[in-house]
Amino acid sequence: MSPNPLISEPVEELARRLKAMTDDELFLTMSELETASNAAENDAAAEVLSRIALTEDEIERRYPGQVLAPYRDWKQRQPLL
């Protein structure tokens, strides 16, 4: 399995952790998943994309109607991303 715990941990555990994360932690998770998606191949890519969708759902739950605007704003403020 992947050494990245975001990819290797059970989906149910990730979903539970997402709900408990601060906004910064949530956005950092999304950024890490995007990076993992770019590096993933075939079957792994589908797994990463499902986790990205789960993270997107949590962002939408916190910011209804804003789609991913809060995440994009956060990402622009990060000098190292």
N, C-alpha and C. Protein backbone atom coordinates (compact mmCIF):
# COMPACT_ATOMS: atom_id res chain seq x y z
N MET A 1 0.83 -1.19 0.00
CA MET A 1 0.00 0.00 0.00
C MET A 1 0.87 1.25 0.00
N SER A 2 0.26 2.35 -0.20
CA SER A 2 0.95 3.63 -0.24
C SER A 2 1.43 4.03 1.14
N PRO A 3 2.62 4.64 1.22
CA PRO A 3 3.10 5.11 2.52
C PRO A 3 2.34 6.35 3.01
N ASN A 4 1.59 6.98 2.14
CA ASN A 4 0.82 8.17 2.50
C ASN A 4 -0.42 7.74 3.28
N PRO A 5 -0.53 8.13 4.57
CA PRO A 5 -1.69 7.70 5.35
C PRO A 5 -3.02 8.22 4.80
N LEU A 6 -3.00 9.33 4.08
CA LEU A 6 -4.24 9.83 3.49
C LEU A 6 -4.79 8.84 2.46
N ILE A 7 -3.90 8.06 1.88
CA ILE A 7 -4.31 7.11 0.85
C ILE A 7 -4.51 5.72 1.44
N SER A 8 -3.70 5.38 2.43
CA SER A 8 -3.74 4.01 2.95
C SER A 8 -4.74 3.79 4.08
N GLU A 9 -5.14 4.87 4.77
CA GLU A 9 -6.08 4.66 5.88
C GLU A 9 -7.48 4.35 5.32
N PRO A 10 -8.27 3.63 6.08
CA PRO A 10 -9.63 3.33 5.63
C PRO A 10 -10.43 4.62 5.36
N VAL A 11 -11.27 4.57 4.35
CA VAL A 11 -12.05 5.74 3.96
C VAL A 11 -12.91 6.24 5.12
N GLU A 12 -13.46 5.33 5.89
CA GLU A 12 -14.31 5.72 7.02
C GLU A 12 -13.52 6.53 8.04
N GLU A 13 -12.26 6.15 8.26
CA GLU A 13 -11.40 6.88 9.20
C GLU A 13 -11.09 8.27 8.66
N LEU A 14 -10.80 8.36 7.37
CA LEU A 14 -10.54 9.66 6.76
C LEU A 14 -11.76 10.55 6.89
N ALA A 15 -12.94 10.03 6.61
CA ALA A 15 -14.17 10.82 6.71
C ALA A 15 -14.37 11.32 8.13
N ARG A 16 -14.10 10.49 9.12
CA ARG A 16 -14.23 10.89 10.52
C ARG A 16 -13.23 11.99 10.86
N ARG A 17 -12.00 11.83 10.39
CA ARG A 17 -10.97 12.83 10.68
C ARG A 17 -11.26 14.16 9.99
N LEU A 18 -11.79 14.11 8.77
CA LEU A 18 -12.09 15.34 8.05
C LEU A 18 -13.07 16.22 8.83
N LYS A 19 -14.05 15.60 9.43
CA LYS A 19 -15.05 16.35 10.19
C LYS A 19 -14.45 17.05 11.40
N ALA A 20 -13.39 16.48 11.96
CA ALA A 20 -12.77 17.03 13.16
C ALA A 20 -11.65 18.03 12.87
N MET A 21 -11.25 18.14 11.61
CA MET A 21 -10.13 19.01 11.25
C MET A 21 -10.51 20.48 11.29
N THR A 22 -9.50 21.32 11.56
CA THR A 22 -9.68 22.76 11.39
C THR A 22 -9.73 23.04 9.89
N ASP A 23 -10.12 24.24 9.52
CA ASP A 23 -10.16 24.59 8.10
C ASP A 23 -8.77 24.47 7.48
N ASP A 24 -7.73 24.96 8.17
CA ASP A 24 -6.38 24.86 7.63
C ASP A 24 -5.96 23.40 7.42
N GLU A 25 -6.28 22.54 8.37
CA GLU A 25 -5.96 21.12 8.23
C GLU A 25 -6.72 20.51 7.06
N LEU A 26 -7.96 20.88 6.92
CA LEU A 26 -8.78 20.37 5.81
C LEU A 26 -8.20 20.81 4.47
N PHE A 27 -7.85 22.08 4.36
CA PHE A 27 -7.30 22.59 3.11
C PHE A 27 -5.93 21.97 2.81
N LEU A 28 -5.11 21.76 3.84
CA LEU A 28 -3.82 21.11 3.65
C LEU A 28 -4.02 19.67 3.18
N THR A 29 -5.01 19.00 3.72
CA THR A 29 -5.33 17.65 3.28
C THR A 29 -5.71 17.65 1.80
N MET A 30 -6.53 18.60 1.40
CA MET A 30 -6.93 18.69 -0.01
C MET A 30 -5.70 18.91 -0.89
N SER A 31 -4.81 19.78 -0.47
CA SER A 31 -3.60 20.05 -1.24
C SER A 31 -2.73 18.79 -1.36
N GLU A 32 -2.59 18.05 -0.26
CA GLU A 32 -1.80 16.82 -0.28
C GLU A 32 -2.44 15.77 -1.18
N LEU A 33 -3.75 15.69 -1.16
CA LEU A 33 -4.45 14.75 -2.03
C LEU A 33 -4.29 15.13 -3.50
N GLU A 34 -4.32 16.42 -3.79
CA GLU A 34 -4.10 16.86 -5.18
C GLU A 34 -2.70 16.45 -5.65
N THR A 35 -1.71 16.63 -4.79
CA THR A 35 -0.34 16.23 -5.12
C THR A 35 -0.27 14.72 -5.35
N ALA A 36 -0.91 13.96 -4.46
CA ALA A 36 -0.94 12.50 -4.60
C ALA A 36 -1.64 12.08 -5.89
N SER A 37 -2.67 12.80 -6.27
CA SER A 37 -3.40 12.50 -7.49
C SER A 37 -2.51 12.68 -8.72
N ASN A 38 -1.71 13.73 -8.71
CA ASN A 38 -0.82 13.99 -9.83
C ASN A 38 0.25 12.91 -9.96
N ALA A 39 0.63 12.29 -8.84
CA ALA A 39 1.67 11.27 -8.85
C ALA A 39 1.11 9.85 -9.02
N ALA A 40 -0.17 9.68 -8.83
CA ALA A 40 -0.78 8.34 -8.84
C ALA A 40 -0.93 7.79 -10.25
N GLU A 41 -0.95 6.47 -10.30
CA GLU A 41 -1.13 5.78 -11.58
C GLU A 41 -2.35 4.86 -11.50
N ASN A 42 -3.09 4.77 -12.57
CA ASN A 42 -4.20 3.84 -12.77
C ASN A 42 -5.13 3.66 -11.58
N ASP A 43 -5.10 2.47 -10.96
CA ASP A 43 -6.03 2.16 -9.86
C ASP A 43 -5.85 3.10 -8.68
N ALA A 44 -4.60 3.47 -8.40
CA ALA A 44 -4.34 4.37 -7.27
C ALA A 44 -4.97 5.73 -7.52
N ALA A 45 -4.99 6.16 -8.76
CA ALA A 45 -5.56 7.46 -9.09
C ALA A 45 -7.05 7.49 -8.76
N ALA A 46 -7.75 6.41 -9.03
CA ALA A 46 -9.18 6.36 -8.72
C ALA A 46 -9.41 6.44 -7.21
N GLU A 47 -8.56 5.79 -6.44
CA GLU A 47 -8.67 5.84 -4.98
C GLU A 47 -8.43 7.25 -4.47
N VAL A 48 -7.42 7.92 -5.01
CA VAL A 48 -7.12 9.29 -4.59
C VAL A 48 -8.27 10.21 -4.97
N LEU A 49 -8.81 10.05 -6.17
CA LEU A 49 -9.92 10.90 -6.61
C LEU A 49 -11.15 10.73 -5.74
N SER A 50 -11.40 9.52 -5.26
CA SER A 50 -12.55 9.33 -4.37
C SER A 50 -12.33 10.05 -3.04
N ARG A 51 -11.08 10.10 -2.58
CA ARG A 51 -10.77 10.80 -1.34
C ARG A 51 -10.81 12.32 -1.53
N ILE A 52 -10.45 12.76 -2.71
CA ILE A 52 -10.58 14.19 -3.03
C ILE A 52 -12.06 14.57 -3.01
N ALA A 53 -12.90 13.74 -3.59
CA ALA A 53 -14.35 14.01 -3.60
C ALA A 53 -14.90 14.08 -2.18
N LEU A 54 -14.43 13.20 -1.32
CA LEU A 54 -14.86 13.20 0.08
C LEU A 54 -14.44 14.51 0.77
N THR A 55 -13.23 14.95 0.48
CA THR A 55 -12.72 16.20 1.05
C THR A 55 -13.49 17.40 0.49
N GLU A 56 -13.77 17.37 -0.80
CA GLU A 56 -14.58 18.43 -1.41
C GLU A 56 -15.95 18.51 -0.74
N ASP A 57 -16.53 17.37 -0.46
CA ASP A 57 -17.84 17.34 0.21
C ASP A 57 -17.78 18.01 1.58
N GLU A 58 -16.70 17.76 2.31
CA GLU A 58 -16.56 18.38 3.63
C GLU A 58 -16.39 19.90 3.51
N ILE A 59 -15.63 20.35 2.51
CA ILE A 59 -15.47 21.79 2.29
C ILE A 59 -16.82 22.41 1.95
N GLU A 60 -17.57 21.75 1.07
CA GLU A 60 -18.90 22.26 0.69
C GLU A 60 -19.85 22.28 1.90
N ARG A 61 -19.74 21.29 2.77
CA ARG A 61 -20.58 21.26 3.96
C ARG A 61 -20.28 22.47 4.86
N ARG A 62 -19.02 22.82 4.96
CA ARG A 62 -18.63 23.96 5.81
C ARG A 62 -18.91 25.31 5.15
N TYR A 63 -18.85 25.35 3.85
CA TYR A 63 -19.02 26.60 3.10
C TYR A 63 -20.08 26.38 2.03
N PRO A 64 -21.34 26.26 2.41
CA PRO A 64 -22.40 25.97 1.44
C PRO A 64 -22.47 27.02 0.33
N GLY A 65 -22.60 26.53 -0.88
CA GLY A 65 -22.77 27.40 -2.04
C GLY A 65 -21.51 28.08 -2.53
N GLN A 66 -20.38 27.85 -1.87
CA GLN A 66 -19.14 28.50 -2.29
C GLN A 66 -18.23 27.57 -3.09
N VAL A 67 -18.70 26.38 -3.33
CA VAL A 67 -17.94 25.35 -4.05
C VAL A 67 -16.56 25.24 -3.39
N LEU A 68 -15.49 25.47 -4.12
CA LEU A 68 -14.15 25.37 -3.54
C LEU A 68 -13.46 26.72 -3.40
N ALA A 69 -14.21 27.80 -3.47
CA ALA A 69 -13.61 29.14 -3.37
C ALA A 69 -12.79 29.32 -2.09
N PRO A 70 -13.26 28.89 -0.93
CA PRO A 70 -12.44 29.06 0.28
C PRO A 70 -11.10 28.32 0.19
N TYR A 71 -11.12 27.14 -0.42
CA TYR A 71 -9.88 26.38 -0.59
C TYR A 71 -8.95 27.10 -1.56
N ARG A 72 -9.47 27.58 -2.68
CA ARG A 72 -8.63 28.29 -3.66
C ARG A 72 -8.04 29.55 -3.05
N ASP A 73 -8.83 30.28 -2.25
CA ASP A 73 -8.33 31.47 -1.57
C ASP A 73 -7.20 31.10 -0.60
N TRP A 74 -7.41 30.04 0.16
CA TRP A 74 -6.40 29.58 1.10
C TRP A 74 -5.11 29.21 0.36
N LYS A 75 -5.26 28.50 -0.74
CA LYS A 75 -4.12 28.05 -1.50
C LYS A 75 -3.30 29.22 -2.05
N GLN A 76 -3.96 30.27 -2.46
CA GLN A 76 -3.27 31.46 -2.98
C GLN A 76 -2.48 32.16 -1.88
N ARG A 77 -2.92 32.04 -0.64
CA ARG A 77 -2.23 32.68 0.48
C ARG A 77 -1.03 31.88 0.98
N GLN A 78 -0.87 30.65 0.46
CA GLN A 78 0.23 29.79 0.92
C GLN A 78 1.45 29.99 0.01
N PRO A 79 2.52 30.56 0.53
CA PRO A 79 3.67 30.87 -0.33
C PRO A 79 4.43 29.63 -0.82
N LEU A 80 4.32 28.52 -0.12
CA LEU A 80 5.12 27.34 -0.49
C LEU A 80 4.34 26.30 -1.26
N LEU A 81 3.07 26.53 -1.54
CA LEU A 81 2.28 25.52 -2.26
C LEU A 81 2.24 25.81 -3.73
